[in-house]
N, C-alpha and C. Protein backbone atom coordinates (compact mmCIF):
# COMPACT_ATOMS: atom_id res chain seq x y z
N UNK A 1 4.13 -13.65 83.78
CA UNK A 1 3.92 -13.16 82.50
C UNK A 1 4.95 -13.18 81.68
N UNK A 2 5.14 -13.15 80.41
CA UNK A 2 6.32 -13.09 79.42
C UNK A 2 6.35 -11.90 79.24
N UNK A 3 7.72 -11.55 78.77
CA UNK A 3 8.22 -10.24 79.03
C UNK A 3 8.04 -9.58 77.20
N UNK A 4 7.97 -8.86 77.43
CA UNK A 4 7.82 -7.80 75.74
C UNK A 4 9.02 -7.33 75.27
N UNK A 5 9.12 -7.90 74.23
CA UNK A 5 10.63 -7.25 73.93
C UNK A 5 9.87 -5.62 73.08
N UNK A 6 11.04 -4.73 73.23
CA UNK A 6 11.02 -3.86 71.96
C UNK A 6 10.82 -3.64 70.43
N UNK A 7 11.29 -5.04 70.09
CA UNK A 7 11.33 -5.11 68.45
C UNK A 7 9.99 -4.87 67.61
N UNK A 8 9.97 -4.18 66.88
CA UNK A 8 8.63 -3.75 66.07
C UNK A 8 8.68 -5.14 65.00
N UNK A 9 7.83 -5.11 64.72
CA UNK A 9 7.27 -6.33 63.85
C UNK A 9 7.25 -6.13 62.37
N UNK A 10 8.55 -6.33 62.00
CA UNK A 10 8.38 -5.72 60.25
C UNK A 10 7.79 -6.69 59.62
N UNK A 11 6.90 -5.58 58.93
CA UNK A 11 5.89 -6.20 57.50
C UNK A 11 6.36 -6.29 56.39
N UNK A 12 5.98 -6.80 55.41
CA UNK A 12 6.75 -7.24 54.29
C UNK A 12 6.66 -6.69 53.35
N UNK A 13 7.64 -5.73 52.71
CA UNK A 13 7.37 -4.51 51.79
C UNK A 13 8.99 -4.59 50.77
N UNK A 14 8.66 -3.89 49.66
CA UNK A 14 9.95 -3.59 49.17
C UNK A 14 10.49 -2.96 49.31
N UNK A 15 11.72 -3.29 48.59
CA UNK A 15 13.06 -2.63 49.12
C UNK A 15 12.68 -1.69 47.92
N UNK A 16 14.00 -0.54 48.03
CA UNK A 16 13.75 0.41 47.04
C UNK A 16 14.65 -0.74 45.93
N UNK A 17 15.49 -1.08 46.27
CA UNK A 17 15.89 -1.89 44.91
C UNK A 17 15.23 -3.33 44.27
N UNK A 18 14.65 -3.14 44.89
CA UNK A 18 13.47 -4.56 45.12
C UNK A 18 12.55 -3.81 43.62
N UNK A 19 11.93 -2.63 43.91
CA UNK A 19 10.91 -1.98 43.45
C UNK A 19 12.36 -1.36 42.07
N UNK A 20 13.15 -0.98 42.20
CA UNK A 20 13.87 -0.66 40.77
C UNK A 20 13.84 -1.64 40.02
N UNK A 21 14.11 -2.70 40.44
CA UNK A 21 14.09 -4.42 39.49
C UNK A 21 12.64 -4.67 38.68
N UNK A 22 11.59 -4.53 39.45
CA UNK A 22 10.52 -4.72 38.72
C UNK A 22 9.97 -3.86 37.90
N UNK A 23 10.25 -2.26 38.08
CA UNK A 23 10.41 -1.29 36.98
C UNK A 23 11.13 -1.83 36.17
N UNK A 24 12.47 -2.24 36.50
CA UNK A 24 13.48 -2.60 34.86
C UNK A 24 12.93 -3.70 33.91
N UNK A 25 12.35 -4.73 34.94
CA UNK A 25 11.56 -5.55 33.84
C UNK A 25 10.33 -5.15 33.04
N UNK A 26 9.42 -4.57 34.00
CA UNK A 26 8.45 -4.16 33.11
C UNK A 26 8.64 -2.90 31.43
N UNK A 27 9.82 -2.12 32.26
CA UNK A 27 10.48 -1.38 30.85
C UNK A 27 10.93 -2.31 29.77
N UNK A 28 11.46 -3.42 30.11
CA UNK A 28 12.24 -4.09 29.16
C UNK A 28 10.93 -5.00 28.47
N UNK A 29 10.13 -5.59 29.30
CA UNK A 29 8.85 -6.27 28.38
C UNK A 29 8.03 -5.11 27.74
N UNK A 30 7.94 -3.95 27.39
CA UNK A 30 7.36 -3.15 27.08
C UNK A 30 8.13 -2.79 25.98
N UNK A 31 9.60 -2.55 26.10
CA UNK A 31 9.93 -2.22 25.17
C UNK A 31 10.23 -3.36 23.66
N UNK A 32 10.02 -4.94 24.16
CA UNK A 32 10.26 -6.11 23.66
C UNK A 32 8.44 -5.86 22.73
N UNK A 33 7.84 -5.54 23.72
CA UNK A 33 6.47 -5.86 22.90
C UNK A 33 6.07 -4.48 22.02
N UNK A 34 6.32 -3.26 22.39
CA UNK A 34 6.13 -2.04 21.45
C UNK A 34 6.00 -2.13 20.40
N UNK A 35 7.31 -3.19 19.42
CA UNK A 35 7.83 -3.09 17.82
C UNK A 35 6.54 -3.77 17.30
N UNK A 36 6.38 -5.25 18.02
CA UNK A 36 5.34 -6.08 17.92
C UNK A 36 3.81 -5.58 17.71
N UNK A 37 3.25 -4.76 18.54
CA UNK A 37 2.51 -3.87 18.47
C UNK A 37 2.00 -3.19 17.54
N UNK A 38 3.69 -2.39 17.24
CA UNK A 38 3.42 -1.51 16.55
C UNK A 38 3.06 -2.06 14.90
N UNK A 39 3.94 -3.64 14.66
CA UNK A 39 3.98 -4.03 12.86
C UNK A 39 2.26 -4.53 13.13
N UNK A 40 2.18 -5.13 14.31
CA UNK A 40 0.77 -5.95 14.24
C UNK A 40 -0.45 -4.82 13.83
N UNK A 41 -0.23 -3.71 14.56
CA UNK A 41 -1.32 -2.22 14.24
C UNK A 41 -0.97 -1.90 12.30
N UNK A 42 0.32 -1.88 11.80
CA UNK A 42 0.17 -1.76 10.61
C UNK A 42 -0.19 -2.58 9.61
N UNK A 43 -0.06 -3.79 10.12
CA UNK A 43 -0.76 -5.25 9.10
C UNK A 43 -2.01 -5.17 8.83
N UNK A 44 -3.02 -4.80 10.06
CA UNK A 44 -3.78 -4.45 10.05
C UNK A 44 -4.31 -3.30 9.33
N UNK A 45 -3.84 -2.14 9.14
CA UNK A 45 -4.01 -1.36 8.25
C UNK A 45 -3.93 -1.76 6.93
N UNK A 46 -2.71 -2.60 6.79
CA UNK A 46 -2.50 -3.14 4.95
C UNK A 46 -3.59 -4.45 5.22
N UNK A 47 -4.12 -4.99 5.75
CA UNK A 47 -5.22 -5.91 5.42
C UNK A 47 -6.74 -5.24 5.26
N UNK A 48 -6.91 -3.37 5.74
CA UNK A 48 -8.01 -3.29 5.72
C UNK A 48 -8.31 -2.58 4.33
N UNK A 49 -6.51 -2.45 3.99
CA UNK A 49 -6.56 -1.60 2.62
C UNK A 49 -7.14 -2.39 1.62
N UNK A 50 -6.10 -3.88 1.90
CA UNK A 50 -6.33 -4.90 0.64
C UNK A 50 -7.75 -5.02 0.91
N UNK A 51 -8.28 -5.46 1.41
CA UNK A 51 -10.16 -5.33 1.41
C UNK A 51 -10.54 -4.66 1.08
N UNK A 52 -10.24 -3.20 0.85
CA UNK A 52 -11.02 -2.10 0.30
C UNK A 52 -11.09 -2.13 -1.21
N UNK A 53 -9.47 -2.17 -1.41
CA UNK A 53 -9.49 -2.60 -3.17
C UNK A 53 -10.02 -3.94 -3.81
N UNK A 54 -9.83 -4.68 -2.88
CA UNK A 54 -10.27 -5.82 -3.25
C UNK A 54 -12.28 -5.56 -3.34
N UNK A 55 -12.76 -5.02 -2.89
CA UNK A 55 -14.36 -4.65 -2.93
C UNK A 55 -14.22 -3.69 -4.19
N UNK A 56 -13.57 -2.49 -4.16
CA UNK A 56 -13.43 -1.88 -5.84
C UNK A 56 -13.28 -2.75 -7.07
N UNK A 57 -12.45 -3.55 -6.96
CA UNK A 57 -12.49 -4.28 -7.56
C UNK A 57 -13.57 -5.30 -8.49
N UNK A 58 -14.30 -5.84 -7.34
CA UNK A 58 -15.88 -6.19 -7.46
C UNK A 58 -16.28 -5.33 -8.07
N UNK A 59 -16.51 -4.15 -7.73
CA UNK A 59 -17.58 -2.94 -8.10
C UNK A 59 -17.10 -2.72 -9.82
N UNK A 60 -15.77 -2.87 -9.63
CA UNK A 60 -15.53 -2.33 -11.20
C UNK A 60 -15.60 -3.49 -12.12
N UNK A 61 -16.11 -5.02 -11.65
CA UNK A 61 -16.00 -5.93 -12.42
C UNK A 61 -17.63 -6.10 -13.05
N UNK A 62 -18.68 -5.30 -11.78
CA UNK A 62 -19.65 -5.15 -11.88
C UNK A 62 -20.08 -3.67 -12.77
N UNK A 63 -19.48 -2.91 -12.84
CA UNK A 63 -19.57 -1.82 -13.55
C UNK A 63 -19.41 -2.44 -15.20
N UNK A 64 -18.17 -3.19 -15.44
CA UNK A 64 -17.92 -3.67 -16.79
C UNK A 64 -19.20 -4.36 -17.10
N UNK A 65 -19.41 -5.29 -16.34
CA UNK A 65 -20.47 -6.03 -16.76
C UNK A 65 -21.88 -5.20 -17.22
N UNK A 66 -22.28 -4.22 -16.95
CA UNK A 66 -23.35 -3.59 -17.01
C UNK A 66 -23.24 -1.98 -18.44
N UNK A 67 -21.68 -1.78 -18.42
CA UNK A 67 -21.28 -1.20 -19.24
C UNK A 67 -20.59 -1.72 -20.28
N UNK A 68 -21.11 -2.72 -20.98
CA UNK A 68 -20.45 -3.34 -22.04
C UNK A 68 -18.67 -3.71 -22.41
N UNK A 69 -18.43 -3.80 -20.58
CA UNK A 69 -17.35 -4.45 -21.14
C UNK A 69 -16.33 -3.47 -20.66
N UNK A 70 -16.89 -2.06 -20.93
CA UNK A 70 -15.91 -1.20 -20.61
C UNK A 70 -15.13 -0.91 -19.13
N UNK A 71 -13.52 -0.78 -19.11
CA UNK A 71 -12.68 -0.97 -17.56
C UNK A 71 -12.36 0.50 -17.71
N UNK A 72 -12.85 1.23 -17.31
CA UNK A 72 -11.97 2.51 -16.95
C UNK A 72 -10.53 2.26 -16.46
N UNK A 73 -9.71 3.70 -17.15
CA UNK A 73 -8.58 3.75 -16.73
C UNK A 73 -7.46 2.55 -17.07
N UNK A 74 -7.86 1.38 -17.83
CA UNK A 74 -6.66 0.79 -17.92
C UNK A 74 -6.76 0.38 -19.80
N UNK A 75 -5.20 0.38 -19.89
CA UNK A 75 -4.56 0.15 -21.01
C UNK A 75 -4.28 1.54 -22.05
N UNK A 76 -5.42 2.77 -22.08
CA UNK A 76 -5.02 3.74 -22.78
C UNK A 76 -4.92 5.16 -21.99
N UNK A 77 -4.70 4.96 -20.47
CA UNK A 77 -4.83 6.20 -19.94
C UNK A 77 -6.14 6.79 -19.67
N UNK A 78 -6.17 7.70 -19.01
CA UNK A 78 -7.48 8.17 -18.61
C UNK A 78 -8.30 8.77 -19.82
N UNK A 79 -9.29 8.90 -19.69
CA UNK A 79 -10.18 9.43 -20.85
C UNK A 79 -10.35 10.98 -20.73
N UNK A 80 -9.64 11.49 -21.81
CA UNK A 80 -9.44 13.15 -21.58
C UNK A 80 -10.42 13.46 -23.29
N UNK A 81 -11.20 14.25 -22.64
CA UNK A 81 -11.83 14.84 -23.76
C UNK A 81 -12.70 14.43 -24.96
N UNK A 82 -12.83 12.70 -24.51
CA UNK A 82 -13.57 12.24 -25.62
C UNK A 82 -12.54 11.79 -27.00
N UNK A 83 -11.31 11.64 -26.44
CA UNK A 83 -10.33 11.29 -27.88
C UNK A 83 -10.14 9.59 -27.47
N UNK A 84 -9.77 9.12 -26.76
CA UNK A 84 -10.01 7.57 -26.60
C UNK A 84 -10.41 7.05 -25.78
N UNK A 85 -11.55 6.12 -25.87
CA UNK A 85 -12.40 5.44 -24.92
C UNK A 85 -11.42 4.20 -23.71
N UNK A 86 -11.85 4.00 -22.97
CA UNK A 86 -11.01 3.32 -21.62
C UNK A 86 -11.25 1.21 -22.47
N UNK A 87 -10.57 0.74 -22.11
CA UNK A 87 -10.58 -0.45 -22.31
C UNK A 87 -11.86 -1.09 -22.20
N UNK A 88 -11.94 -2.31 -23.27
CA UNK A 88 -12.44 -3.33 -22.83
C UNK A 88 -11.91 -4.46 -22.48
N UNK A 89 -13.09 -5.33 -21.11
CA UNK A 89 -12.12 -6.37 -20.39
C UNK A 89 -11.52 -7.31 -21.68
N UNK A 90 -11.66 -7.41 -22.19
CA UNK A 90 -11.52 -8.83 -23.54
C UNK A 90 -10.07 -8.21 -24.06
N UNK A 91 -9.89 -6.55 -24.21
CA UNK A 91 -8.55 -6.25 -24.55
C UNK A 91 -7.90 -6.59 -23.24
N UNK A 92 -7.14 -7.20 -22.15
CA UNK A 92 -6.88 -6.90 -21.36
C UNK A 92 -6.69 -8.70 -21.43
N UNK A 93 -5.22 -8.98 -21.44
CA UNK A 93 -4.52 -10.12 -22.13
C UNK A 93 -4.06 -10.89 -20.76
N UNK A 94 -4.11 -10.32 -20.20
CA UNK A 94 -3.09 -10.59 -18.80
C UNK A 94 -4.36 -9.68 -17.56
N UNK A 95 -5.59 -10.44 -17.24
CA UNK A 95 -6.35 -9.82 -16.21
C UNK A 95 -5.19 -9.92 -14.48
N UNK A 96 -4.60 -11.01 -14.26
CA UNK A 96 -4.08 -11.26 -13.07
C UNK A 96 -3.01 -10.13 -13.02
N UNK A 97 -2.54 -9.89 -14.07
CA UNK A 97 -1.18 -9.16 -13.67
C UNK A 97 -1.08 -7.78 -14.14
N UNK A 98 -2.24 -7.35 -14.65
CA UNK A 98 -2.88 -5.73 -14.93
C UNK A 98 -3.72 -5.20 -13.79
N UNK A 99 -2.81 -4.06 -13.06
CA UNK A 99 -3.57 -3.23 -12.01
C UNK A 99 -4.35 -2.32 -12.71
N UNK A 100 -5.40 -2.36 -11.37
CA UNK A 100 -6.48 -1.71 -11.68
C UNK A 100 -6.88 -0.31 -10.66
N UNK A 101 -6.68 -0.83 -9.49
CA UNK A 101 -6.40 -0.11 -8.48
C UNK A 101 -5.62 -0.06 -7.67
N UNK A 102 -5.08 0.89 -6.77
CA UNK A 102 -4.13 0.70 -6.03
C UNK A 102 -3.48 2.05 -4.92
N UNK A 103 -2.35 2.21 -4.34
CA UNK A 103 -2.11 3.04 -3.16
C UNK A 103 -1.50 4.22 -4.31
N UNK A 104 -2.16 4.81 -5.03
CA UNK A 104 -1.53 5.98 -5.31
C UNK A 104 -1.02 7.23 -4.42
N UNK A 105 0.70 7.56 -4.55
CA UNK A 105 0.78 8.43 -4.14
C UNK A 105 1.88 9.29 -5.06
N UNK A 106 2.00 10.65 -4.73
CA UNK A 106 3.44 10.89 -5.39
C UNK A 106 3.95 12.73 -4.16
N UNK A 107 4.61 12.63 -4.24
CA UNK A 107 5.40 13.90 -3.35
C UNK A 107 4.80 14.42 -2.33
N UNK A 108 3.28 15.11 -2.65
CA UNK A 108 2.64 15.98 -3.00
C UNK A 108 1.14 14.99 -1.71
N UNK A 109 1.24 13.82 -1.35
CA UNK A 109 0.73 12.73 -1.18
C UNK A 109 0.27 11.66 -1.71
N UNK A 110 -1.53 11.46 -1.31
CA UNK A 110 -2.29 10.58 -2.08
C UNK A 110 -2.83 11.17 -3.59
N UNK A 111 -3.02 10.45 -4.82
CA UNK A 111 -2.92 10.60 -5.79
C UNK A 111 -4.23 9.20 -6.21
N UNK A 112 -5.33 9.78 -7.45
CA UNK A 112 -5.96 9.40 -7.65
C UNK A 112 -5.92 8.58 -8.68
N UNK A 113 -4.74 8.43 -9.38
CA UNK A 113 -4.40 8.23 -11.28
C UNK A 113 -3.18 7.17 -10.45
N UNK A 114 -3.42 6.12 -11.20
CA UNK A 114 -2.22 4.93 -11.34
C UNK A 114 -1.27 5.26 -12.49
N UNK A 115 -0.31 5.99 -13.12
CA UNK A 115 0.26 5.78 -14.16
C UNK A 115 1.18 4.84 -14.44
N UNK A 116 1.35 4.17 -15.59
CA UNK A 116 2.29 3.58 -16.43
C UNK A 116 4.12 4.32 -16.51
N UNK A 117 4.85 3.71 -16.29
CA UNK A 117 6.15 4.28 -16.64
C UNK A 117 6.50 5.14 -17.63
N UNK A 118 6.09 4.62 -18.62
CA UNK A 118 6.21 5.10 -19.90
C UNK A 118 4.92 5.15 -20.83
N UNK A 119 4.53 6.22 -21.66
CA UNK A 119 3.07 6.54 -22.38
C UNK A 119 3.02 5.45 -23.29
N UNK A 120 1.71 4.92 -23.31
CA UNK A 120 1.28 4.06 -23.97
C UNK A 120 1.36 4.53 -25.77
N UNK A 121 1.31 3.86 -26.67
CA UNK A 121 1.06 4.01 -27.95
C UNK A 121 -0.40 5.15 -28.58
N UNK A 122 -1.47 5.14 -27.48
CA UNK A 122 -1.73 6.16 -27.55
C UNK A 122 -1.88 7.67 -27.59
N UNK A 123 -2.22 8.80 -28.79
CA UNK A 123 -1.92 9.65 -28.73
C UNK A 123 -2.55 10.33 -27.74
N UNK A 124 -3.40 10.64 -27.42
CA UNK A 124 -3.82 11.11 -26.05
C UNK A 124 -2.81 10.95 -24.61
N UNK A 125 -1.90 9.99 -24.57
CA UNK A 125 -0.92 9.69 -23.54
C UNK A 125 0.22 10.08 -24.27
N UNK A 126 0.40 9.97 -25.43
CA UNK A 126 1.83 10.34 -25.65
C UNK A 126 1.91 12.19 -25.29
N UNK A 127 1.00 13.00 -25.02
CA UNK A 127 1.46 14.09 -24.94
C UNK A 127 1.53 14.83 -23.44
N UNK A 128 1.37 13.22 -22.29
CA UNK A 128 1.05 14.05 -21.15
C UNK A 128 2.49 13.78 -20.36
N UNK A 129 3.41 14.46 -19.97
CA UNK A 129 4.21 14.32 -19.24
C UNK A 129 4.04 14.53 -17.68
N UNK A 130 5.03 14.14 -16.62
CA UNK A 130 4.52 13.88 -15.25
C UNK A 130 4.23 12.87 -14.91
N UNK A 131 4.50 11.95 -15.09
CA UNK A 131 4.35 10.44 -15.00
C UNK A 131 4.51 9.97 -13.48
N UNK A 132 6.00 10.44 -12.88
CA UNK A 132 6.10 10.13 -11.86
C UNK A 132 5.21 10.86 -11.04
N UNK A 133 4.04 11.43 -10.77
CA UNK A 133 2.93 11.89 -10.17
C UNK A 133 1.89 10.86 -10.28
N UNK A 134 1.81 9.77 -10.68
CA UNK A 134 0.84 8.45 -10.73
C UNK A 134 1.73 7.54 -9.89
N UNK A 135 2.84 7.42 -8.95
CA UNK A 135 3.22 6.56 -8.92
C UNK A 135 2.68 5.80 -7.66
N UNK A 136 2.94 4.40 -6.84
CA UNK A 136 2.09 4.06 -6.19
C UNK A 136 2.65 4.07 -4.91
N UNK A 137 2.18 4.29 -3.98
CA UNK A 137 3.14 4.36 -2.62
C UNK A 137 3.46 3.62 -1.85
N UNK A 138 4.35 3.16 -1.51
CA UNK A 138 4.73 1.76 -0.75
C UNK A 138 4.75 2.18 1.26
N UNK A 139 3.54 2.31 1.12
CA UNK A 139 3.34 2.99 2.45
C UNK A 139 3.22 1.45 3.68
N UNK A 140 2.72 0.44 3.22
CA UNK A 140 2.65 -1.15 4.00
C UNK A 140 3.59 -1.59 4.51
N UNK A 141 4.45 -1.38 5.41
CA UNK A 141 5.52 -1.69 5.86
C UNK A 141 6.33 -2.42 4.26
N UNK A 142 6.93 -1.03 3.48
CA UNK A 142 7.82 -1.16 2.34
C UNK A 142 6.68 -1.39 1.35
N UNK A 143 5.97 -1.76 1.27
CA UNK A 143 4.87 -2.47 0.06
C UNK A 143 3.56 -1.67 -0.07
N UNK A 144 2.94 -1.98 -1.35
CA UNK A 144 2.28 -1.23 -1.78
C UNK A 144 1.21 -2.03 -2.31
N UNK A 145 -0.09 -2.19 -1.87
CA UNK A 145 -1.53 -2.59 -2.14
C UNK A 145 -1.69 -2.21 -3.63
N UNK A 146 -2.11 -3.39 -4.21
CA UNK A 146 -2.75 -3.50 -5.61
C UNK A 146 -4.04 -4.19 -5.97
N UNK A 147 -5.31 -3.75 -6.46
CA UNK A 147 -5.84 -4.37 -7.10
C UNK A 147 -6.33 -5.18 -8.62
N UNK A 148 -6.22 -6.00 -9.13
CA UNK A 148 -6.06 -6.63 -10.31
C UNK A 148 -7.40 -7.06 -11.41
N UNK A 149 -6.85 -7.24 -12.41
CA UNK A 149 -8.37 -6.67 -12.96
C UNK A 149 -9.09 -8.09 -13.13
N UNK A 150 -8.60 -9.23 -12.47
CA UNK A 150 -9.10 -10.30 -11.87
C UNK A 150 -9.86 -10.25 -11.33
N UNK A 151 -9.67 -9.48 -10.41
CA UNK A 151 -10.44 -9.17 -8.60
C UNK A 151 -9.42 -9.36 -7.21
N UNK A 152 -8.43 -9.97 -7.74
CA UNK A 152 -7.60 -10.29 -6.75
C UNK A 152 -6.92 -9.40 -6.45
N UNK A 153 -6.73 -9.00 -4.95
CA UNK A 153 -5.99 -7.68 -4.26
C UNK A 153 -4.48 -8.88 -3.66
N UNK A 154 -3.58 -7.78 -4.02
CA UNK A 154 -2.05 -8.20 -3.13
C UNK A 154 -1.22 -6.98 -3.25
N UNK A 155 -0.64 -7.29 -2.22
CA UNK A 155 0.64 -6.00 -1.10
C UNK A 155 1.85 -6.91 -2.38
N UNK A 156 2.43 -6.20 -2.98
CA UNK A 156 3.50 -5.96 -3.70
C UNK A 156 4.63 -5.39 -3.02
N UNK A 157 6.38 -5.60 -3.11
CA UNK A 157 7.43 -4.84 -2.54
C UNK A 157 8.20 -4.99 -3.29
N UNK A 158 8.70 -5.16 -5.04
CA UNK A 158 8.53 -4.60 -5.83
C UNK A 158 8.71 -3.24 -6.52
N UNK A 159 9.39 -2.28 -6.58
CA UNK A 159 9.40 -1.13 -6.39
C UNK A 159 10.49 -0.33 -7.70
N UNK A 160 9.62 0.08 -8.92
CA UNK A 160 10.68 0.50 -10.02
C UNK A 160 10.32 2.34 -9.84
N UNK A 161 11.78 2.59 -10.58
CA UNK A 161 11.77 4.41 -10.57
C UNK A 161 11.91 4.92 -11.96
N UNK A 162 12.33 3.59 -12.19
CA UNK A 162 12.72 5.00 -14.08
C UNK A 162 11.25 4.83 -14.59
N UNK A 163 11.40 5.99 -15.20
CA UNK A 163 10.05 6.32 -15.88
C UNK A 163 10.42 7.49 -17.38
N UNK A 164 9.60 7.57 -17.96
CA UNK A 164 10.07 8.78 -19.06
C UNK A 164 10.47 9.89 -18.96
N UNK A 165 10.11 10.61 -17.65
CA UNK A 165 10.27 11.66 -17.03
C UNK A 165 11.97 11.68 -16.07
N UNK A 166 12.39 10.25 -15.77
CA UNK A 166 13.37 10.59 -15.35
C UNK A 166 13.36 9.84 -13.43
N UNK A 167 14.35 9.03 -13.26
CA UNK A 167 13.66 8.50 -11.74
C UNK A 167 14.10 9.40 -10.48
N UNK A 168 14.67 10.64 -11.32
CA UNK A 168 14.89 11.60 -9.94
C UNK A 168 13.71 12.18 -9.59
N UNK A 169 12.58 12.08 -10.30
CA UNK A 169 11.64 12.30 -9.89
C UNK A 169 10.25 12.12 -9.23
N UNK A 170 10.71 10.72 -8.75
CA UNK A 170 10.19 10.22 -8.32
C UNK A 170 10.10 10.16 -6.83
N UNK A 171 8.91 10.18 -5.93
CA UNK A 171 9.03 10.96 -4.51
C UNK A 171 9.48 9.60 -3.80
N UNK A 172 10.06 9.84 -2.40
CA UNK A 172 10.68 8.65 -1.84
C UNK A 172 9.72 7.65 -1.23
N UNK A 173 10.25 6.52 -1.05
CA UNK A 173 8.55 5.44 -0.60
C UNK A 173 7.82 5.89 -1.68
N UNK A 174 7.77 5.46 -3.38
CA UNK A 174 6.97 6.05 -4.26
C UNK A 174 7.54 5.12 -5.17
N UNK A 175 6.80 4.74 -6.58
CA UNK A 175 7.43 3.50 -7.65
C UNK A 175 6.20 3.10 -8.45
N UNK A 176 6.91 2.69 -9.37
CA UNK A 176 5.69 1.77 -10.05
C UNK A 176 5.80 0.34 -9.90
N UNK A 177 4.91 -0.35 -10.37
CA UNK A 177 4.26 -1.79 -9.90
C UNK A 177 5.61 -2.48 -11.34
N UNK A 178 5.90 -1.98 -12.38
CA UNK A 178 6.62 -2.70 -12.93
C UNK A 178 7.81 -1.66 -13.65
N UNK A 179 9.01 -2.33 -14.50
CA UNK A 179 10.08 -1.63 -15.33
C UNK A 179 9.62 -1.01 -16.30
N UNK A 180 8.26 -1.91 -17.13
CA UNK A 180 7.38 -1.64 -18.20
C UNK A 180 5.79 -0.94 -18.02
N UNK A 181 5.41 -1.06 -19.09
CA UNK A 181 3.92 -0.79 -18.95
C UNK A 181 3.05 -2.51 -18.81
N UNK A 182 3.96 -3.41 -18.49
CA UNK A 182 3.21 -4.70 -18.70
C UNK A 182 2.15 -4.60 -17.15
N UNK A 183 2.32 -3.92 -16.32
CA UNK A 183 1.69 -4.17 -14.98
C UNK A 183 0.69 -3.03 -15.27
N UNK A 184 0.23 -2.10 -16.21
CA UNK A 184 -0.40 -0.84 -16.43
C UNK A 184 -1.41 -0.85 -17.96
N UNK A 185 -0.95 -1.98 -18.63
CA UNK A 185 -1.64 -2.10 -20.39
C UNK A 185 -2.60 -3.47 -20.44
N UNK A 186 -2.10 -4.02 -19.38
CA UNK A 186 -2.77 -5.67 -20.05
C UNK A 186 -2.25 -6.39 -20.86
N UNK A 187 -0.80 -5.87 -21.52
CA UNK A 187 0.03 -6.42 -22.74
C UNK A 187 0.76 -7.51 -21.89
N UNK A 188 1.14 -8.18 -22.79
CA UNK A 188 1.99 -9.57 -21.96
C UNK A 188 3.40 -8.72 -21.32
N UNK A 189 4.07 -9.59 -20.59
CA UNK A 189 5.05 -9.07 -19.77
C UNK A 189 6.64 -9.22 -20.95
């Protein structure tokens, strides 16, 4: 009869050092992937916003076709008290460069109006102050989304802060689309 030994058979198991190494590797992988996943999530938000703006631009084109070519909020500021009607499509000289909708934002949050940095010659617009409250929010990875009068939408990174009220009033991460009114009025840049 063979003799029995008192040695216990060893089962395969991780040592504490091996377990800590595996945990460290997993933590490094998570650390590497997390910024990429965050950036991918922000990119997807930007794409959804661009799609929404594009749909709004298509709706505005349909509106202009129905209502004799009028395009609200373009060229003359907003239609206040019946003083000045909105621009007509034929008055927009550079539709691919003229903003129609965008990521409006100012210090207190989102805003429904995009304003040009300087007053237009229109009398209803020259009386307005507070242009800094109609800036664009650069909230999509330091870019802002804009739909243009020709129907395309784009993400822009150039941010301009100077305006007739002064750059000091422009909130952080907001700004205008152009240094002058060219991106808002449809006139030649």
